[in-house]
Amino acid sequence: MTRRYIQVDRITDWLEVSTGFAVRPRTIGNQVELEVTPRIASLNS
C-alpha cells in the first residue's frame, strides 16, 4: 500500500448529554408522596 491511498480525518464533535431526575410531589391527607422519575439521556443516530 502506498501513501497516496491513506486518508486521515481528524474531526471532533462535542455533544452535551445530561441525566438527572424529575420529582412529582403529591399530598395524601397530611402526608406527602414523592414520585421520582429518572431521566437518562442517550445518543440516537
Protein backbone atom coordinates (compact mmCIF):
# COMPACT_ATOMS: atom_id res chain seq x y z
CA MET A 1 0.00 0.00 0.00
CA THR A 2 1.43 3.32 -0.95
CA ARG A 3 0.99 6.55 0.95
CA ARG A 4 -1.34 8.14 -1.63
CA TYR A 5 -4.17 5.76 -0.62
CA ILE A 6 -4.14 6.66 3.07
CA GLN A 7 -6.71 9.18 4.31
CA VAL A 8 -6.71 10.58 7.83
CA ASP A 9 -9.71 12.53 9.16
CA ARG A 10 -9.42 14.41 12.43
CA ILE A 11 -12.84 15.65 13.43
CA THR A 12 -14.02 16.20 16.99
CA ASP A 13 -17.74 16.54 17.69
CA TRP A 14 -18.84 17.75 21.14
CA LEU A 15 -22.24 16.64 22.40
CA GLU A 16 -23.83 17.50 25.73
CA VAL A 17 -25.57 14.52 27.29
CA SER A 18 -27.40 15.14 30.54
CA THR A 19 -29.01 12.83 33.03
CA GLY A 20 -30.96 13.55 36.19
CA PHE A 21 -34.42 13.02 37.59
CA ALA A 22 -37.84 14.62 37.87
CA VAL A 23 -39.80 14.73 41.12
CA ARG A 24 -43.58 15.00 41.38
CA PRO A 25 -44.95 15.66 44.88
CA ARG A 26 -48.48 14.54 45.85
CA THR A 27 -50.35 15.20 49.04
CA ILE A 28 -52.30 12.36 50.58
CA GLY A 29 -54.13 13.68 53.62
CA ASN A 30 -51.43 15.29 55.75
CA GLN A 31 -48.59 13.27 54.14
CA VAL A 32 -46.56 13.93 51.02
CA GLU A 33 -45.65 11.22 48.50
CA LEU A 34 -42.79 11.84 46.05
CA GLU A 35 -42.71 10.19 42.63
CA VAL A 36 -39.10 10.18 41.35
CA THR A 37 -38.59 9.50 37.62
CA PRO A 38 -35.05 9.08 36.28
CA ARG A 39 -34.07 10.98 33.13
CA ILE A 40 -31.39 9.08 31.26
CA ALA A 41 -30.18 10.63 28.02
CA SER A 42 -28.96 8.53 25.12
CA LEU A 43 -27.45 9.21 21.73
CA ASN A 44 -29.70 8.10 18.88
CA SER A 45 -28.37 8.16 15.35
